[in-house]
Protein backbone atom coordinates (compact mmCIF):
# COMPACT_ATOMS: atom_id res chain seq x y z
CA MET A 1 -3.11 -22.15 -4.84
CA PHE A 2 -0.16 -20.35 -7.26
CA GLY A 3 -2.46 -18.97 -9.60
CA LEU A 4 -4.80 -17.35 -6.66
CA LEU A 5 -1.92 -16.09 -4.66
CA MET A 6 -0.65 -13.69 -7.59
CA VAL A 7 -3.94 -12.94 -9.16
CA VAL A 8 -4.84 -11.69 -4.85
CA ALA A 9 -0.69 -9.63 -4.79
CA LEU A 10 -1.87 -8.14 -8.75
CA LEU A 11 -5.08 -6.96 -7.72
CA ALA A 12 -3.46 -5.16 -3.96
CA SER A 13 -0.77 -3.74 -6.33
CA CYS A 14 -3.31 -1.68 -8.49
CA VAL A 15 -3.00 2.09 -8.79
CA GLY A 16 -6.35 3.84 -9.28
CA LYS A 17 -6.47 6.10 -12.07
CA ARG A 18 -7.56 8.61 -9.61
CA ASN A 19 -5.01 8.01 -7.54
CA VAL A 20 -2.59 9.27 -10.95
CA ASN A 21 -3.63 11.50 -12.61
CA TYR A 22 -4.11 15.28 -11.58
CA LEU A 23 -7.44 17.33 -12.32
CA GLN A 24 -9.74 14.88 -13.69
CA ASP A 25 -13.09 16.71 -15.12
CA ASN A 26 -14.93 14.70 -17.99
CA SER A 27 -16.92 17.72 -18.69
CA LEU A 28 -13.83 19.79 -19.78
CA SER A 29 -13.61 20.23 -23.28
CA ASN A 30 -12.31 22.76 -25.85
CA THR A 31 -14.45 25.63 -24.56
CA ALA A 32 -12.08 26.85 -20.89
CA LYS A 33 -14.09 26.75 -18.56
CA LEU A 34 -13.69 28.80 -15.16
CA PHE A 35 -12.59 27.97 -12.06
CA PRO A 36 -13.63 30.81 -9.63
CA ASN A 37 -10.53 31.10 -6.59
CA LYS A 38 -10.07 32.80 -2.91
CA LYS A 39 -7.26 33.82 -4.08
CA PHE A 40 -6.03 35.90 -0.39
CA GLU A 41 -4.10 38.52 0.78
CA TYR A 42 -1.41 38.03 2.91
CA ARG A 43 -1.26 39.62 6.14
CA VAL A 44 1.57 40.14 8.35
CA GLN A 45 0.94 38.18 11.33
CA VAL A 46 2.83 37.91 14.48
CA ASN A 47 6.47 36.30 14.61
CA ASP A 48 6.95 37.54 10.83
CA VAL A 49 10.13 38.57 9.72
CA LEU A 50 9.98 41.87 6.88
CA SER A 51 13.19 42.37 4.81
CA ILE A 52 12.61 46.68 4.69
CA ARG A 53 15.17 48.05 2.92
CA VAL A 54 15.47 52.42 2.65
CA LEU A 55 17.02 53.38 -0.19
CA GLY A 56 18.40 56.79 -1.31
CA LEU A 57 19.87 57.34 2.36
CA ASP A 58 23.77 58.57 3.28
CA ASP A 59 25.95 56.16 3.94
CA ALA A 60 25.40 56.24 7.66
CA ASN A 61 21.76 56.15 8.55
CA ALA A 62 21.45 53.31 5.42
CA LYS A 63 23.73 50.69 7.22
CA LEU A 64 20.48 51.33 9.85
CA PHE A 65 18.38 50.13 7.79
CA ASN A 66 20.31 47.98 4.91
CA VAL A 67 21.05 44.05 5.73
CA GLU A 68 25.02 44.18 3.67
CA SER A 69 26.89 41.27 3.18
CA THR A 70 29.14 40.03 5.34
CA MET A 71 31.48 40.36 1.94
CA GLY A 72 30.65 43.99 2.01
CA SER A 73 28.01 44.50 -0.81
CA THR A 74 24.49 44.47 -1.49
CA VAL A 75 23.95 40.48 -2.01
CA VAL A 76 22.72 38.68 0.84
CA ASN A 77 21.75 34.92 2.43
CA ASP A 78 18.54 34.19 3.52
CA ALA A 79 20.23 33.58 6.52
CA GLN A 80 21.13 36.76 6.81
CA MET A 81 17.68 38.41 5.34
CA TYR A 82 16.37 36.52 8.75
CA VAL A 83 18.67 36.89 11.79
CA ASN A 84 18.93 40.94 10.30
CA GLY A 85 14.87 41.29 9.14
CA PHE A 86 12.84 43.52 11.17
CA SER A 87 10.67 40.46 13.70
CA VAL A 88 7.13 41.52 14.35
CA ASP A 89 6.63 41.04 18.69
CA LYS A 90 3.84 39.76 20.36
CA SER A 91 2.03 42.76 20.06
CA GLY A 92 1.78 42.95 16.02
CA ASN A 93 4.57 45.89 16.39
CA VAL A 94 8.28 46.01 14.66
CA GLN A 95 10.89 48.61 16.03
CA LEU A 96 12.49 50.62 13.51
CA PRO A 97 15.63 52.85 13.55
CA THR A 98 14.77 56.34 14.33
CA VAL A 99 11.03 55.23 13.58
CA GLY A 100 10.24 54.16 16.95
CA LYS A 101 7.68 51.15 17.49
CA LEU A 102 4.94 50.75 14.59
CA LYS A 103 1.79 48.68 14.14
CA VAL A 104 1.79 46.09 11.15
CA GLN A 105 0.52 43.16 12.55
CA GLY A 106 -3.01 43.07 10.52
CA LEU A 107 -1.37 45.12 7.86
CA THR A 108 -0.58 43.84 4.62
CA LEU A 109 2.32 43.69 2.71
CA GLY A 110 1.12 46.50 1.02
CA GLU A 111 -0.23 48.53 3.72
CA ALA A 112 2.24 47.62 5.81
CA GLN A 113 5.09 49.67 3.49
CA GLU A 114 2.85 52.10 2.72
CA LEU A 115 2.82 52.68 6.80
CA VAL A 116 6.63 52.76 6.59
CA GLN A 117 6.94 55.13 3.98
CA ARG A 118 5.00 58.17 5.93
CA LYS A 119 6.75 57.29 8.78
CA ILE A 120 10.00 57.39 7.03
CA ASN A 121 9.38 60.42 5.43
CA GLU A 122 9.03 62.32 8.26
CA TYR A 123 12.89 61.88 9.03
CA PHE A 124 14.01 61.92 5.30
CA THR A 125 13.72 63.38 2.62
CA ASN A 126 13.69 61.25 -1.14
CA ALA A 127 13.73 58.24 0.76
CA THR A 128 11.86 55.10 -1.03
CA VAL A 129 10.86 51.90 1.61
CA ILE A 130 11.07 48.40 -0.37
CA MET A 131 9.46 46.08 2.41
CA LYS A 132 9.32 42.35 1.80
CA LEU A 133 8.05 39.21 3.40
CA VAL A 134 11.33 36.99 4.59
CA SER A 135 9.79 34.30 7.22
CA PHE A 136 7.65 33.09 4.13
CA ARG A 137 8.40 29.00 3.84
CA VAL A 138 6.16 25.84 3.45
CA SER A 139 6.96 21.97 4.12
CA VAL A 140 6.17 19.14 1.75
CA LEU A 141 7.21 16.22 3.10
CA GLY A 142 5.45 12.66 2.03
CA GLY A 143 5.60 10.35 -0.76
CA VAL A 144 7.55 13.73 -2.88
CA ALA A 145 10.53 13.37 -4.99
CA ARG A 146 12.45 16.22 -2.97
CA PRO A 147 10.73 16.85 0.58
CA GLY A 148 11.44 19.62 2.60
CA ALA A 149 11.30 23.52 3.65
CA TYR A 150 11.41 25.70 0.72
CA LEU A 151 11.11 29.48 0.86
CA VAL A 152 9.01 31.65 -1.11
CA TYR A 153 10.03 35.09 -2.56
CA ASN A 154 6.63 36.95 -4.28
CA ASN A 155 4.81 36.01 -1.23
CA GLN A 156 2.71 33.67 -2.71
CA ILE A 157 1.84 30.20 -3.84
CA THR A 158 -0.31 27.52 -4.68
CA LEU A 159 -1.21 24.37 -4.04
CA LEU A 160 0.25 22.46 -6.84
CA GLU A 161 3.86 25.08 -7.04
CA ALA A 162 4.56 23.60 -4.18
CA LEU A 163 4.43 20.03 -5.09
CA ALA A 164 6.09 21.23 -7.97
CA GLN A 165 8.96 22.56 -6.22
CA ALA A 166 9.08 19.45 -3.83
CA GLY A 167 9.64 17.43 -6.94
CA GLY A 168 5.90 16.69 -7.33
CA PRO A 169 4.10 12.62 -6.07
CA THR A 170 6.45 9.75 -5.63
CA GLU A 171 4.73 6.74 -7.94
CA PHE A 172 3.18 5.72 -4.28
CA GLY A 173 2.22 9.40 -3.44
CA ASP A 174 -1.70 9.40 -2.91
CA LYS A 175 -3.05 12.33 -4.63
CA ARG A 176 -6.81 12.00 -3.72
CA HIS A 177 -5.92 12.39 0.25
CA VAL A 178 -3.27 14.74 0.48
CA SER A 179 -3.03 16.46 4.22
CA LEU A 180 -2.98 20.35 4.61
CA MET A 181 -1.49 21.64 7.96
CA ARG A 182 -1.88 25.49 9.05
CA GLN A 183 -1.47 26.98 12.65
CA SER A 184 -3.73 29.45 13.52
CA ASP A 185 -4.05 31.32 16.87
CA GLN A 186 -6.37 28.60 17.79
CA GLY A 187 -4.28 25.54 17.13
CA THR A 188 -2.86 23.34 14.31
CA GLN A 189 -6.05 23.23 11.42
CA ALA A 190 -5.78 20.00 9.41
CA VAL A 191 -7.78 19.74 6.13
CA ASN A 192 -7.70 16.72 3.28
CA ILE A 193 -7.42 18.00 -0.34
CA ASP A 194 -8.24 15.33 -3.46
CA LEU A 195 -5.58 16.47 -6.07
CA GLY A 196 -7.73 14.42 -8.59
CA ARG A 197 -11.07 16.91 -8.76
CA MET A 198 -10.78 20.32 -9.83
CA ASP A 199 -12.83 21.82 -7.99
CA VAL A 200 -9.61 22.32 -5.70
CA LEU A 201 -8.73 25.54 -7.35
CA SER A 202 -11.76 27.15 -6.11
CA SER A 203 -10.51 25.71 -2.67
CA GLU A 204 -9.66 28.23 -0.17
CA TYR A 205 -6.62 25.88 0.45
CA TYR A 206 -5.42 26.28 -2.88
CA TYR A 207 -3.23 29.66 -2.56
CA LEU A 208 -1.42 28.63 0.83
CA LEU A 209 -0.32 30.53 3.69
CA PRO A 210 3.66 30.94 5.65
CA ASN A 211 4.27 28.13 8.11
CA ASP A 212 1.79 25.45 5.54
CA VAL A 213 2.86 22.06 6.06
CA VAL A 214 1.73 20.14 2.76
CA TYR A 215 1.79 15.82 3.08
CA VAL A 216 1.50 13.25 0.67
CA PRO A 217 0.72 9.80 1.76
CA THR A 218 1.73 7.17 0.60
CA LEU A 219 -0.71 4.50 -1.18
CA ALA A 220 -2.13 0.98 0.16
CA ALA A 221 -0.84 -0.64 -2.81
CA ARG A 222 2.78 0.07 -2.18
CA PRO A 223 3.42 -2.85 0.35
CA GLY A 224 0.87 -4.22 -2.53
CA ARG A 225 3.32 -4.01 -4.60
CA LEU A 226 6.48 -4.48 -2.25
CA ASN A 227 4.55 -7.72 -1.03
CA LEU A 228 4.16 -9.21 -4.92
CA GLU A 229 8.21 -8.93 -5.39
CA ILE A 230 8.84 -10.36 -1.96
CA LEU A 231 6.54 -13.31 -3.23
CA SER A 232 8.16 -12.96 -6.96
CA VAL A 233 11.52 -13.64 -5.58
CA PHE A 234 10.57 -16.55 -3.11
CA LEU A 235 8.77 -18.43 -5.63
CA THR A 236 11.26 -18.22 -7.41
CA ALA A 237 13.65 -19.25 -4.96
CA LEU A 238 11.42 -22.06 -4.81
CA SER A 239 11.30 -23.19 -8.35
CA THR A 240 15.72 -23.16 -8.49
CA ALA A 241 15.17 -25.40 -5.27
CA ALA A 242 12.95 -27.73 -7.19
CA ILE A 243 15.01 -27.81 -10.72
CA VAL A 244 17.91 -28.60 -8.49
CA ILE A 245 16.34 -31.47 -6.11
CA THR A 246 14.77 -32.86 -10.01
CA VAL A 247 18.24 -32.97 -11.48
CA ILE A 248 20.01 -34.50 -8.36
CA GLN A 249 17.21 -37.42 -8.78
CA ASN A 250 18.18 -37.82 -12.76
CA GLN A 251 21.81 -37.90 -12.36
CA ASN A 252 21.36 -40.24 -9.02
CA ASN A 253 19.01 -42.91 -11.46
């Protein structure tokens, strides 16, 4: 009976190879294999926060556009960039000093920057516009080393890069059933992603969008492993008790 319990517990705690390794493909060889991916170019959406800096202005006009730290330097933290950034309103516009409202919704960051640059040129000479997306944040939750929200500074991040920032899945993180939640105008879109397959590199979800949430579930093996540990402690206690009883009985005899 004891042996049967141990076998069942061990089987319950087994972890398959595909649950442990990333991107498995037996067809790979020394020759490189191409996985075309659907690289996206992000387009500005309502509620985005943009950092818009205009260089080459006199001090008075520069202060209207450019955020300074509380210490008076040009080095600012994320919170200052967010609070002092230019928000895209529900109509898809940003309100800029002097220039007024500009429709940026649906434009790529490059196109939006060009639009602002053209408008700035109508009022100022030798001015240079630099635009960044401040509100690009992804969250990684579940069975990872460092769950949390992460800011993205290069306007592009892949699913694997996001997991790497979070320290990667833990020993019991299930890489075959990773969930991705993505916000849209219609609601929340959810999709299951198998990181054990190479074709994830060609998935439309390989590149993350702002406010995406990645969830790594826990393998069913974890409860099995914990049950095995509890069973081992229980059996050890029984064995110890049996030994003590045997010793006491021998002494009495």
